[in-house]
Amino acid sequence: MLPKIFLSLSFAAAAVLYAGSLSPKPTDSSLVVYNGNIGLVHEDKRISLEKGVQEIIYKDVAQSVSTDSVNVKFPDGVTLYSQQYRFDRITAAKLLDAHIGKKVKVKTHGDNEKIMVRDATLLSSAGPQCVVKTADNEIFSVNPSMIIMEHIPSELITQPSLVWNIDSEKKLDGKVSLDYLINNIKWKSNYILDLNGENGNLGGWITIDNRSGKRFDDIKLNVLAGDVNRASMPAPRVMYKAQRLMSAAPEVSHIAAEGYHFYSVPFRVTLANNEKTQIKFIDEKNIHVKRRYKTWLNNPNYLNSQSRHDVKQYAEVESLEIPLPGGIVRTYSKVNGTTLLLGESRLEHTPRHQKISLMLGTNFDIKVNEKVMERDDDEYYFDETIAYEVINRSDKERVVELLIPFSRGKNSSLTTDQKYSHKDGSTLLFKVRLAADSKKEFKVHYRSRK
């Protein structure tokens, strides 16, 4: 019985013969990553052209390239006629088809079942057998596993590539610049707020998730915060890597432009495909952080009997000199030498000099009770008296903010001994100061037109 022989793909990469040529690597490259799962690639390469019509293959573009976004600039005197996106995923069948009419080697069995390798031309690869013709004009069929191919035919392009048909007025050496959009690449910002009493340190990280089908080596990396409008468009295991930074790494620079915020990484970065890369871009020290305690209560017009409420606790930063792209903020604090996670909050895109309020979670020691003491509604008016009880069982003084839905206007009124303010036209705000391990009670009489 003959031993099983597998299709041999022993080949040497052959140079593609075109009149024009490009430098194998870009002389300059950059990448802008947007919030909308897209990126803008820019590359410059050296180009050498002969006079006349010719083809240029620009290799190693991203698999997720949006071909109708390609913007290429050739030297003066070069006319671009057409463009193709080519990427041939190599299979045995595709290699055989590409070798029809070309020289191959074929394994045959000689005397004593000895395997011989003969030169031949591949005539057909259709069906389960291939047809070959040897140098001495023998024509016979063989199993595809007996065919040996020594190179990849030039018509097969094994990397995602753009193929340009151009016409050059003269022989020249110059520069070609290429810009194109890619999909399946995104970025996000995440933050760590380390609290120490009323102060804290805020660190921010840019995370790039590259699944675009291309590795970017030694590029200038930029990210753009803001939502760019786009027309409607016809979405493995991920390795994770933190970009190495020296202890005194240069800071990510920032500019505001065209209604967006543009961040530039000051060192070149390598982004592997199917990998996440983190880069630190914010490091704010000793910022003042205020603790706040808030809860929303019921609209008194619709409170039937009584209700008990938890109180949420917040970390609030009055303002920063820098804008903050939206992302998750994780807040930590140390207790008896142990680091605790106090909470996570989602931060929206925040301009500079704007207050930042981060909800940490529910405070264990503070509770609020409300109870209807009297109700005297009639056909035209709501009329009720509500008793409020605010309890602080912590060992520190707290100021608790009570937010109550109640419309402000000439047809509504309230009476109380407790100080209050109108947060807006439809919300009351009571700030109740409580000593450690104490409680406070007060009543409010509400009257409003139905």
Protein backbone atom coordinates (compact mmCIF):
# COMPACT_ATOMS: atom_id res chain seq x y z
CA MET A 1 0.00 0.00 0.00
CA LEU A 2 1.32 3.39 -0.90
CA PRO A 3 2.14 5.73 1.99
CA LYS A 4 -0.18 8.75 2.32
CA ILE A 5 1.48 11.86 0.95
CA PHE A 6 0.14 15.34 1.78
CA LEU A 7 0.06 18.30 -0.58
CA SER A 8 3.44 19.97 -0.37
CA LEU A 9 3.45 23.75 -0.20
CA SER A 10 7.17 24.24 -0.20
CA PHE A 11 7.59 27.53 -1.95
CA ALA A 12 9.86 30.50 -1.95
CA ALA A 13 8.21 33.92 -1.96
CA ALA A 14 8.69 35.31 -5.40
CA ALA A 15 9.01 38.99 -6.12
CA VAL A 16 6.01 40.44 -7.91
CA LEU A 17 7.13 41.95 -11.14
CA TYR A 18 5.57 45.34 -11.72
CA ALA A 19 7.09 48.38 -13.31
CA GLY A 20 6.66 50.50 -10.18
CA SER A 21 7.90 49.75 -6.68
CA LEU A 22 7.27 50.96 -3.14
CA SER A 23 9.45 51.05 -0.06
CA PRO A 24 8.58 48.00 2.08
CA LYS A 25 7.92 50.08 5.18
CA PRO A 26 6.37 53.53 5.60
CA THR A 27 8.70 56.47 6.04
CA ASP A 28 6.04 57.99 8.30
CA SER A 29 2.80 56.64 9.75
CA SER A 30 0.08 57.77 12.12
CA LEU A 31 -3.27 56.57 13.41
CA VAL A 32 -6.25 58.51 14.75
CA VAL A 33 -8.74 56.37 16.70
CA TYR A 34 -12.31 57.62 17.13
CA ASN A 35 -15.07 56.77 19.60
CA GLY A 36 -17.22 55.17 16.89
CA ASN A 37 -15.16 51.98 16.34
CA ILE A 38 -13.23 53.51 13.44
CA GLY A 39 -9.70 54.72 12.83
CA LEU A 40 -7.95 56.89 10.25
CA VAL A 41 -4.63 55.51 8.97
CA HIS A 42 -1.99 57.73 7.36
CA GLU A 43 1.16 56.36 5.72
CA ASP A 44 3.92 57.82 3.54
CA LYS A 45 6.08 55.56 1.37
CA ARG A 46 8.81 56.10 -1.21
CA ILE A 47 7.75 55.19 -4.75
CA SER A 48 9.76 54.49 -7.90
CA LEU A 49 7.94 54.59 -11.24
CA GLU A 50 8.77 53.92 -14.85
CA LYS A 51 7.27 56.05 -17.58
CA GLY A 52 3.91 54.82 -18.85
CA VAL A 53 1.00 52.70 -17.66
CA GLN A 54 1.77 50.32 -14.79
CA GLU A 55 0.39 48.65 -11.69
CA ILE A 56 1.41 49.35 -8.11
CA ILE A 57 0.63 46.99 -5.23
CA TYR A 58 0.39 48.70 -1.86
CA LYS A 59 0.68 45.83 0.61
CA ASP A 60 -0.36 45.38 4.22
CA VAL A 61 -3.39 47.60 4.50
CA ALA A 62 -5.86 46.66 7.24
CA GLN A 63 -8.29 43.84 6.43
CA SER A 64 -11.11 46.11 7.67
CA VAL A 65 -10.21 48.94 5.27
CA SER A 66 -13.16 50.96 4.01
CA THR A 67 -12.15 51.03 0.35
CA ASP A 68 -14.37 53.96 -0.58
CA SER A 69 -12.55 56.09 2.01
CA VAL A 70 -9.12 55.70 0.39
CA ASN A 71 -7.39 59.01 -0.33
CA VAL A 72 -4.07 58.57 -2.14
CA LYS A 73 -1.73 61.31 -3.32
CA PHE A 74 0.87 60.55 -6.00
CA PRO A 75 3.67 62.83 -7.21
CA ASP A 76 2.83 65.36 -9.91
CA GLY A 77 2.59 63.82 -13.35
CA VAL A 78 0.97 60.58 -12.13
CA THR A 79 -2.63 59.76 -13.07
CA LEU A 80 -4.63 57.17 -11.13
CA TYR A 81 -7.05 55.19 -13.33
CA SER A 82 -8.46 52.52 -11.03
CA GLN A 83 -8.08 50.85 -7.65
CA GLN A 84 -8.73 47.33 -6.38
CA TYR A 85 -8.66 45.81 -2.91
CA ARG A 86 -7.03 42.37 -3.09
CA PHE A 87 -6.49 39.71 -0.47
CA ASP A 88 -6.15 36.07 -1.52
CA ARG A 89 -6.50 33.70 1.41
CA ILE A 90 -4.24 30.83 0.44
CA THR A 91 -5.79 27.36 0.13
CA ALA A 92 -4.53 24.25 -1.64
CA ALA A 93 -7.29 24.55 -4.25
CA LYS A 94 -6.52 28.20 -4.91
CA LEU A 95 -2.80 27.45 -5.31
CA LEU A 96 -3.54 24.64 -7.75
CA ASP A 97 -5.86 26.83 -9.81
CA ALA A 98 -3.21 29.55 -9.96
CA HIS A 99 -0.63 27.03 -11.27
CA ILE A 100 -2.65 25.85 -14.26
CA GLY A 101 -0.39 26.20 -17.30
CA LYS A 102 2.66 26.66 -15.06
CA LYS A 103 5.61 24.48 -14.18
CA VAL A 104 5.28 22.23 -11.12
CA LYS A 105 6.93 19.11 -9.82
CA VAL A 106 5.02 15.87 -9.50
CA LYS A 107 5.73 12.78 -7.43
CA THR A 108 5.40 9.47 -9.26
CA HIS A 109 6.23 5.89 -8.39
CA GLY A 110 9.05 4.23 -10.27
CA ASP A 111 10.41 0.74 -10.09
CA ASN A 112 10.16 -0.99 -6.72
CA GLU A 113 7.63 1.62 -5.62
CA LYS A 114 10.42 4.19 -5.38
CA ILE A 115 9.11 7.75 -5.41
CA MET A 116 10.44 9.93 -8.20
CA VAL A 117 10.07 13.72 -8.60
CA ARG A 118 9.53 14.86 -12.19
CA ASP A 119 9.12 18.25 -13.84
CA ALA A 120 5.69 18.82 -15.34
CA THR A 121 3.10 21.38 -16.39
CA LEU A 122 -0.22 21.46 -14.55
CA LEU A 123 -3.05 21.21 -17.11
CA SER A 124 -6.10 20.90 -14.87
CA SER A 125 -7.03 20.82 -11.19
CA ALA A 126 -10.77 20.22 -11.55
CA GLY A 127 -12.29 17.28 -9.71
CA PRO A 128 -10.52 14.85 -7.39
CA GLN A 129 -7.53 14.39 -9.72
CA CYS A 130 -5.05 16.78 -11.34
CA VAL A 131 -3.88 16.39 -14.93
CA VAL A 132 -0.20 17.01 -15.69
CA LYS A 133 2.06 16.88 -18.71
CA THR A 134 5.71 15.92 -18.23
CA ALA A 135 8.70 17.22 -20.16
CA ASP A 136 8.65 14.07 -22.35
CA ASN A 137 4.97 14.71 -23.24
CA GLU A 138 3.39 12.13 -20.95
CA ILE A 139 -0.08 13.21 -19.84
CA PHE A 140 -1.65 11.52 -16.81
CA SER A 141 -3.73 12.23 -13.73
CA VAL A 142 -2.41 12.34 -10.18
CA ASN A 143 -3.72 12.98 -6.73
CA PRO A 144 -3.34 16.67 -5.74
CA SER A 145 -1.15 15.55 -2.85
CA MET A 146 1.49 14.56 -5.43
CA ILE A 147 1.89 18.12 -6.74
CA ILE A 148 4.77 20.25 -5.46
CA MET A 149 4.65 24.01 -6.02
CA GLU A 150 7.80 26.02 -5.52
CA HIS A 151 6.38 29.54 -5.34
CA ILE A 152 3.23 31.59 -5.02
CA PRO A 153 2.10 32.87 -8.43
CA SER A 154 2.29 36.62 -8.79
CA GLU A 155 -1.46 36.94 -9.36
CA LEU A 156 -2.12 35.76 -5.80
CA ILE A 157 -1.75 38.57 -3.28
CA THR A 158 -1.38 37.06 0.18
CA GLN A 159 -1.57 40.27 2.18
CA PRO A 160 -4.47 42.75 2.22
CA SER A 161 -3.41 45.14 -0.52
CA LEU A 162 -4.52 48.00 -2.73
CA VAL A 163 -3.73 47.59 -6.42
CA TRP A 164 -3.52 50.82 -8.42
CA ASN A 165 -3.49 51.19 -12.19
CA ILE A 166 -1.60 54.38 -12.95
CA ASP A 167 0.10 56.28 -15.74
CA SER A 168 3.31 58.21 -15.13
CA GLU A 169 4.43 60.94 -17.51
CA LYS A 170 8.06 60.14 -16.76
CA LYS A 171 10.37 57.95 -14.76
CA LEU A 172 10.51 59.29 -11.22
CA ASP A 173 11.27 58.67 -7.55
CA GLY A 174 8.98 60.38 -5.06
CA LYS A 175 6.51 60.00 -2.22
CA VAL A 176 3.03 58.51 -2.11
CA SER A 177 0.71 59.46 0.76
CA LEU A 178 -2.19 57.23 1.74
CA ASP A 179 -5.13 57.86 4.07
CA TYR A 180 -7.97 55.42 4.69
CA LEU A 181 -10.57 54.54 7.31
CA ILE A 182 -10.58 51.21 9.11
CA ASN A 183 -13.19 49.47 11.23
CA ASN A 184 -12.96 47.29 14.34
CA ILE A 185 -10.63 49.55 16.25
CA LYS A 186 -11.78 51.58 19.22
CA TRP A 187 -10.57 53.40 22.27
CA LYS A 188 -11.90 54.24 25.68
CA SER A 189 -10.68 56.15 28.67
CA ASN A 190 -10.71 54.81 32.21
CA TYR A 191 -9.76 56.55 35.41
CA ILE A 192 -8.50 55.73 38.88
CA LEU A 193 -9.31 58.15 41.71
CA ASP A 194 -7.25 57.46 44.84
CA LEU A 195 -8.86 59.20 47.81
CA ASN A 196 -7.10 60.29 50.95
CA GLY A 197 -9.58 62.21 53.07
CA GLU A 198 -10.55 65.40 51.23
CA ASN A 199 -7.79 65.03 48.62
CA GLY A 200 -7.16 62.62 45.82
CA ASN A 201 -5.00 61.69 42.84
CA LEU A 202 -6.66 61.12 39.46
CA GLY A 203 -4.99 58.93 36.85
CA GLY A 204 -6.41 58.35 33.37
CA TRP A 205 -5.63 55.60 30.87
CA ILE A 206 -6.33 55.36 27.16
CA THR A 207 -7.11 51.78 26.12
CA ILE A 208 -6.83 50.93 22.41
CA ASP A 209 -8.59 47.74 21.28
CA ASN A 210 -7.24 46.84 17.83
CA ARG A 211 -9.12 44.18 15.89
CA SER A 212 -8.75 45.87 12.52
CA GLY A 213 -6.76 43.07 10.88
CA LYS A 214 -3.49 45.02 10.86
CA ARG A 215 -0.51 45.40 13.15
CA PHE A 216 0.73 48.98 13.51
CA ASP A 217 4.45 49.27 14.18
CA ASP A 218 6.07 52.36 15.64
CA ILE A 219 3.25 54.76 14.77
CA LYS A 220 2.21 58.19 15.94
CA LEU A 221 -0.97 57.51 17.90
CA ASN A 222 -3.81 59.98 18.40
CA VAL A 223 -7.32 59.61 19.78
CA LEU A 224 -10.26 61.92 19.24
CA ALA A 225 -12.93 62.43 21.91
CA GLY A 226 -16.35 63.35 20.57
CA ASP A 227 -18.96 61.74 18.38
CA VAL A 228 -18.21 62.14 14.67
CA ASN A 229 -21.30 61.94 12.48
CA ARG A 230 -21.16 59.15 9.92
CA ALA A 231 -23.54 58.04 7.21
CA SER A 232 -25.29 54.73 7.89
CA MET A 233 -22.89 51.87 7.25
CA PRO A 234 -23.78 48.22 6.01
CA ALA A 235 -18.85 44.41 13.78
CA PRO A 236 -10.67 35.48 19.21
CA ARG A 237 -9.00 35.69 22.02
CA VAL A 238 -7.70 39.11 22.92
CA MET A 239 -4.28 39.53 24.39
CA TYR A 240 -3.77 42.42 26.77
CA LYS A 241 -0.70 44.57 27.17
CA ALA A 242 0.08 47.71 29.11
CA GLN A 243 2.36 50.04 27.19
CA ARG A 244 5.59 50.42 29.12
CA LEU A 245 6.19 53.86 30.48
CA MET A 246 9.16 55.28 32.29
CA SER A 247 8.46 56.81 35.70
CA ALA A 248 8.77 60.27 34.17
CA ALA A 249 7.01 59.52 30.89
CA PRO A 250 6.15 62.50 28.70
CA GLU A 251 2.53 63.55 29.00
CA VAL A 252 -0.10 63.00 26.35
CA SER A 253 -0.77 66.38 24.74
CA HIS A 254 -4.25 67.75 24.16
CA ILE A 255 -5.82 70.36 21.92
CA ALA A 256 -9.42 71.35 21.26
CA ALA A 257 -10.20 71.50 17.54
CA GLU A 258 -13.36 71.66 15.43
CA GLY A 259 -15.60 70.94 18.42
CA TYR A 260 -13.68 67.81 19.41
CA HIS A 261 -10.79 67.07 21.75
CA PHE A 262 -7.65 65.62 20.21
CA TYR A 263 -5.08 63.71 22.28
CA SER A 264 -1.60 62.90 20.92
CA VAL A 265 0.70 60.30 22.44
CA PRO A 266 4.21 61.83 22.62
CA PHE A 267 6.04 58.59 21.85
CA ARG A 268 5.65 56.04 19.09
CA VAL A 269 3.48 53.02 19.83
CA THR A 270 3.13 49.49 18.46
CA LEU A 271 -0.41 48.08 18.32
CA ALA A 272 -0.61 44.37 17.57
CA ASN A 273 -3.77 43.01 15.97
CA ASN A 274 -6.28 41.48 18.42
CA GLU A 275 -4.60 43.15 21.35
CA LYS A 276 -5.42 45.87 23.87
CA THR A 277 -2.82 48.50 24.73
CA GLN A 278 -3.01 50.95 27.62
CA ILE A 279 -1.34 54.36 27.72
CA LYS A 280 -1.48 56.78 30.62
CA PHE A 281 -2.72 60.21 29.60
CA ILE A 282 -3.80 62.01 32.80
CA ASP A 283 -2.00 62.27 36.12
CA GLU A 284 -3.57 64.92 38.37
CA LYS A 285 -2.20 65.14 41.92
CA ASN A 286 -3.71 66.54 45.14
CA ILE A 287 -7.09 67.53 43.77
CA HIS A 288 -9.74 68.61 46.28
CA VAL A 289 -12.59 66.11 46.61
CA LYS A 290 -15.81 66.85 48.46
CA ARG A 291 -18.02 64.09 49.90
CA ARG A 292 -21.76 64.47 49.37
CA TYR A 293 -24.75 62.43 50.53
CA LYS A 294 -28.01 62.61 48.56
CA THR A 295 -31.36 60.90 48.22
CA TRP A 296 -34.51 61.47 46.18
CA LEU A 297 -37.77 61.40 48.13
CA ASN A 298 -41.37 61.00 46.96
CA ASN A 299 -43.56 63.72 45.56
CA PRO A 300 -45.55 64.70 48.68
CA ASN A 301 -48.77 64.96 46.66
CA TYR A 302 -48.67 61.22 45.99
CA LEU A 303 -47.17 59.82 49.21
CA ASN A 304 -49.85 57.58 50.72
CA SER A 305 -48.44 56.58 54.10
CA GLN A 306 -44.72 56.30 54.75
CA SER A 307 -41.49 55.35 53.00
CA ARG A 308 -37.88 54.58 53.92
CA HIS A 309 -34.93 55.63 51.73
CA ASP A 310 -31.26 54.77 51.39
CA VAL A 311 -28.76 57.57 50.84
CA LYS A 312 -26.22 57.55 48.01
CA GLN A 313 -22.72 58.85 48.60
CA TYR A 314 -20.75 60.84 46.03
CA ALA A 315 -17.22 62.08 45.47
CA GLU A 316 -17.33 65.52 43.87
CA VAL A 317 -14.51 67.41 42.18
CA GLU A 318 -15.30 71.10 41.82
CA SER A 319 -13.41 71.56 38.54
CA LEU A 320 -10.25 70.59 36.68
CA GLU A 321 -8.10 72.49 34.20
CA ILE A 322 -8.35 69.64 31.69
CA PRO A 323 -11.25 68.06 29.79
CA LEU A 324 -12.04 64.43 30.56
CA PRO A 325 -13.21 62.05 27.81
CA GLY A 326 -16.07 59.83 28.92
CA GLY A 327 -15.21 56.58 30.67
CA ILE A 328 -15.41 54.53 33.85
CA VAL A 329 -13.99 56.04 37.06
CA ARG A 330 -13.00 53.61 39.81
CA THR A 331 -12.56 55.19 43.22
CA TYR A 332 -10.24 53.66 45.83
CA SER A 333 -9.33 54.50 49.42
CA LYS A 334 -7.11 52.95 52.07
CA VAL A 335 -8.53 51.72 55.38
CA ASN A 336 -6.05 50.38 57.96
CA GLY A 337 -3.48 49.92 55.20
CA THR A 338 -5.86 47.96 52.96
CA THR A 339 -7.06 49.36 49.63
CA LEU A 340 -10.83 49.34 49.16
CA LEU A 341 -12.91 49.92 46.05
CA LEU A 342 -15.46 52.57 47.03
CA GLY A 343 -17.37 52.46 43.77
CA GLU A 344 -17.49 52.81 40.00
CA SER A 345 -19.13 55.62 38.03
CA ARG A 346 -19.58 56.34 34.35
CA LEU A 347 -18.26 59.76 33.40
CA GLU A 348 -19.66 61.53 30.34
CA HIS A 349 -17.44 63.72 28.14
CA THR A 350 -16.65 66.57 30.53
CA PRO A 351 -15.24 69.96 29.46
CA ARG A 352 -12.69 71.65 31.70
CA HIS A 353 -13.87 73.79 34.62
CA GLN A 354 -17.00 71.66 35.00
CA LYS A 355 -18.05 70.00 38.24
CA ILE A 356 -17.59 66.22 38.34
CA SER A 357 -19.89 64.15 40.54
CA LEU A 358 -19.10 60.45 40.99
CA MET A 359 -21.68 58.18 42.61
CA LEU A 360 -19.84 55.69 44.83
CA GLY A 361 -22.66 53.63 46.29
CA THR A 362 -25.16 53.42 49.15
CA ASN A 363 -24.09 54.70 52.57
CA PHE A 364 -24.65 52.05 55.21
CA ASP A 365 -25.15 54.45 58.15
CA ILE A 366 -27.51 57.11 56.77
CA LYS A 367 -31.25 56.59 56.29
CA VAL A 368 -34.24 58.86 55.64
CA ASN A 369 -37.87 58.22 56.58
CA GLU A 370 -40.90 60.17 55.38
CA LYS A 371 -44.44 59.84 56.67
CA VAL A 372 -47.80 61.47 55.97
CA MET A 373 -48.97 63.14 59.18
CA GLU A 374 -52.07 64.83 57.77
CA ARG A 375 -53.82 65.02 54.40
CA ASP A 376 -56.68 67.39 53.59
CA ASP A 377 -57.01 67.32 49.79
CA ASP A 378 -60.08 68.83 48.15
CA GLU A 379 -61.43 69.02 44.61
CA TYR A 380 -58.87 71.60 43.50
CA TYR A 381 -55.83 71.33 45.79
CA PHE A 382 -53.42 68.84 47.27
CA ASP A 383 -52.89 69.60 50.95
CA GLU A 384 -50.64 67.46 53.14
CA THR A 385 -48.18 67.59 56.03
CA ILE A 386 -45.16 65.30 55.77
CA ALA A 387 -42.80 64.40 58.62
CA TYR A 388 -39.16 63.69 57.70
CA GLU A 389 -36.62 61.84 59.84
CA VAL A 390 -32.93 61.89 58.83
CA ILE A 391 -30.68 59.41 60.67
CA ASN A 392 -26.87 59.43 60.81
CA ARG A 393 -25.33 56.47 62.67
CA SER A 394 -21.79 57.11 61.45
CA ASP A 395 -19.07 58.45 63.76
CA LYS A 396 -18.71 61.68 61.73
CA GLU A 397 -20.81 64.74 61.04
CA ARG A 398 -22.71 64.53 57.75
CA VAL A 399 -24.71 66.90 55.58
CA VAL A 400 -27.52 65.00 53.86
CA GLU A 401 -29.25 66.45 50.80
CA LEU A 402 -32.93 65.65 50.34
CA LEU A 403 -34.31 66.16 46.83
CA ILE A 404 -38.10 66.37 46.67
CA PRO A 405 -40.20 66.73 43.50
CA PHE A 406 -42.47 69.76 44.05
CA SER A 407 -43.33 72.38 41.44
CA ARG A 408 -42.58 76.00 42.18
CA GLY A 409 -45.28 78.52 41.21
CA LYS A 410 -48.08 80.81 42.27
CA ASN A 411 -50.43 77.86 42.75
CA SER A 412 -48.15 76.05 45.20
CA SER A 413 -46.75 76.83 48.64
CA LEU A 414 -45.00 75.18 51.56
CA THR A 415 -44.42 75.93 55.22
CA THR A 416 -41.56 74.56 57.33
CA ASP A 417 -39.01 75.52 59.97
CA GLN A 418 -36.26 73.71 58.04
CA LYS A 419 -34.14 75.77 55.64
CA TYR A 420 -34.57 74.84 51.99
CA SER A 421 -33.93 76.07 48.43
CA HIS A 422 -35.27 75.45 44.95
CA LYS A 423 -32.79 73.37 42.98
CA ASP A 424 -34.87 74.09 39.88
CA GLY A 425 -38.49 74.87 39.05
CA SER A 426 -39.69 71.41 40.02
CA THR A 427 -37.29 70.26 42.76
CA LEU A 428 -36.84 71.24 46.41
CA LEU A 429 -33.49 70.83 48.14
CA PHE A 430 -33.14 70.41 51.91
CA LYS A 431 -29.59 70.27 53.30
CA VAL A 432 -29.74 68.67 56.74
CA ARG A 433 -26.65 68.81 58.94
CA LEU A 434 -26.36 65.99 61.47
CA ALA A 435 -23.82 65.40 64.20
CA ALA A 436 -22.23 61.97 64.52
CA ASP A 437 -24.66 59.28 65.70
CA SER A 438 -27.71 61.52 65.68
CA LYS A 439 -31.00 62.11 63.94
CA LYS A 440 -33.14 65.09 63.03
CA GLU A 441 -36.86 65.45 62.44
CA PHE A 442 -38.86 68.21 60.77
CA LYS A 443 -42.23 68.71 59.13
CA VAL A 444 -43.30 70.37 55.89
CA HIS A 445 -46.82 71.49 54.97
CA TYR A 446 -47.42 71.41 51.20
CA ARG A 447 -50.29 72.93 49.24
CA SER A 448 -50.55 72.88 45.44
CA ARG A 449 -53.23 73.01 42.79
CA LYS A 450 -54.20 69.73 41.18
